[in-house]
Amino acid sequence: MAIDTQTVRRIAFLSRLKVEEEKIEATKEEFSKILNWIEELNEVNTDDVEPLISVNDTTLRMREDEVTAGNCRDAILKNAPAAEYDYFAVPKVVE
């Protein structure tokens, strides 16, 4: 699957990637390679393959839930770069 320059710019914008103008062509080739690889993976027959929950064939040890010391909001908020109304304040990311 070929990707054009405009699509590379759009993907870079949506994913907040800074792609220099001189690297657009190289990025276009890399994106095309990735999509070609995904198309190859889609050709693999997985009809009789059971989906994995995890690649590890072990179970995790369970532990008892314990109540620990809490009510340390002020100590936690000291670590925040910015706090507002007793919450962490973060920059707006949704327009």
Protein backbone atom coordinates (compact mmCIF):
# COMPACT_ATOMS: atom_id res chain seq x y z
CA MET A 1 0.00 0.00 0.00
CA ALA A 2 1.48 3.31 -1.04
CA ILE A 3 1.14 6.40 1.08
CA ASP A 4 1.32 9.89 -0.36
CA THR A 5 3.01 12.95 1.13
CA GLN A 6 -0.27 14.51 2.23
CA THR A 7 -1.16 11.38 4.21
CA VAL A 8 2.24 11.45 5.95
CA ARG A 9 1.64 15.04 6.98
CA ARG A 10 -1.86 14.19 8.24
CA ILE A 11 -0.63 11.19 10.26
CA ALA A 12 2.19 13.29 11.72
CA PHE A 13 -0.27 16.02 12.70
CA LEU A 14 -2.75 13.60 14.29
CA SER A 15 -0.05 11.75 16.22
CA ARG A 16 1.72 14.97 17.22
CA LEU A 17 4.95 13.92 15.47
CA LYS A 18 7.34 16.54 14.21
CA VAL A 19 8.53 15.36 10.80
CA GLU A 20 11.06 17.64 9.15
CA GLU A 21 10.33 18.54 5.53
CA GLU A 22 13.48 16.80 4.31
CA LYS A 23 12.41 13.57 6.08
CA ILE A 24 8.90 13.38 4.59
CA GLU A 25 10.01 11.04 1.79
CA ALA A 26 11.84 8.69 4.17
CA THR A 27 8.86 8.68 6.51
CA LYS A 28 6.55 7.92 3.60
CA GLU A 29 8.67 4.88 2.71
CA GLU A 30 8.72 3.70 6.34
CA PHE A 31 4.93 4.01 6.64
CA SER A 32 4.52 2.07 3.39
CA LYS A 33 6.82 -0.69 4.68
CA ILE A 34 4.82 -0.93 7.89
CA LEU A 35 1.52 -1.20 6.02
CA ASN A 36 2.94 -3.81 3.64
CA TRP A 37 4.10 -5.85 6.63
CA ILE A 38 0.61 -5.65 8.15
CA GLU A 39 -0.87 -6.86 4.85
CA GLU A 40 1.52 -9.83 4.96
CA LEU A 41 0.36 -10.63 8.49
CA ASN A 42 -3.26 -10.56 7.32
CA GLU A 43 -2.43 -13.37 4.86
CA VAL A 44 -1.47 -15.77 7.67
CA ASN A 45 -4.09 -18.44 8.28
CA THR A 46 -5.10 -18.26 11.94
CA ASP A 47 -8.34 -20.26 11.75
CA ASP A 48 -7.27 -23.04 14.15
CA VAL A 49 -5.19 -20.83 16.45
CA GLU A 50 -6.69 -20.09 19.85
CA PRO A 51 -6.32 -16.42 20.88
CA LEU A 52 -3.86 -15.76 23.67
CA ILE A 53 -4.73 -13.90 26.80
CA SER A 54 -1.04 -13.54 27.60
CA VAL A 55 2.24 -14.73 26.12
CA ASN A 56 3.20 -15.99 29.58
CA ASP A 57 1.92 -19.40 30.56
CA THR A 58 1.88 -18.62 34.26
CA THR A 59 -0.58 -17.21 36.71
CA LEU A 60 0.18 -14.35 39.00
CA ARG A 61 0.25 -14.78 42.74
CA MET A 62 -2.78 -13.26 44.40
CA ARG A 63 -2.37 -11.13 47.49
CA GLU A 64 -4.76 -10.06 50.17
CA ASP A 65 -6.19 -6.58 49.94
CA GLU A 66 -5.04 -4.54 52.89
CA VAL A 67 -6.07 -1.11 54.03
CA THR A 68 -2.97 1.08 54.20
CA ALA A 69 -2.35 4.57 55.45
CA GLY A 70 -4.27 7.02 53.38
CA ASN A 71 -5.46 10.60 53.55
CA CYS A 72 -2.11 11.99 52.35
CA ARG A 73 -3.49 14.22 49.59
CA ASP A 74 -1.33 17.21 50.52
CA ALA A 75 1.89 15.16 50.45
CA ILE A 76 0.98 13.74 47.04
CA LEU A 77 0.03 17.13 45.59
CA LYS A 78 3.45 18.51 46.62
CA ASN A 79 4.89 16.38 43.78
CA ALA A 80 2.56 17.86 41.18
CA PRO A 81 3.99 20.50 38.84
CA ALA A 82 0.64 22.28 39.13
CA ALA A 83 -2.40 21.67 41.32
CA GLU A 84 -5.83 23.23 41.27
CA TYR A 85 -8.84 22.58 43.55
CA ASP A 86 -6.94 19.72 45.27
CA TYR A 87 -6.33 17.89 41.96
CA PHE A 88 -3.40 17.57 39.56
CA ALA A 89 -3.65 20.29 36.92
CA VAL A 90 -2.65 19.17 33.41
CA PRO A 91 -2.64 20.96 30.06
CA LYS A 92 -5.74 20.62 27.94
CA VAL A 93 -5.17 18.03 25.20
CA VAL A 94 -8.61 17.85 23.59
CA GLU A 95 -9.65 20.74 21.41
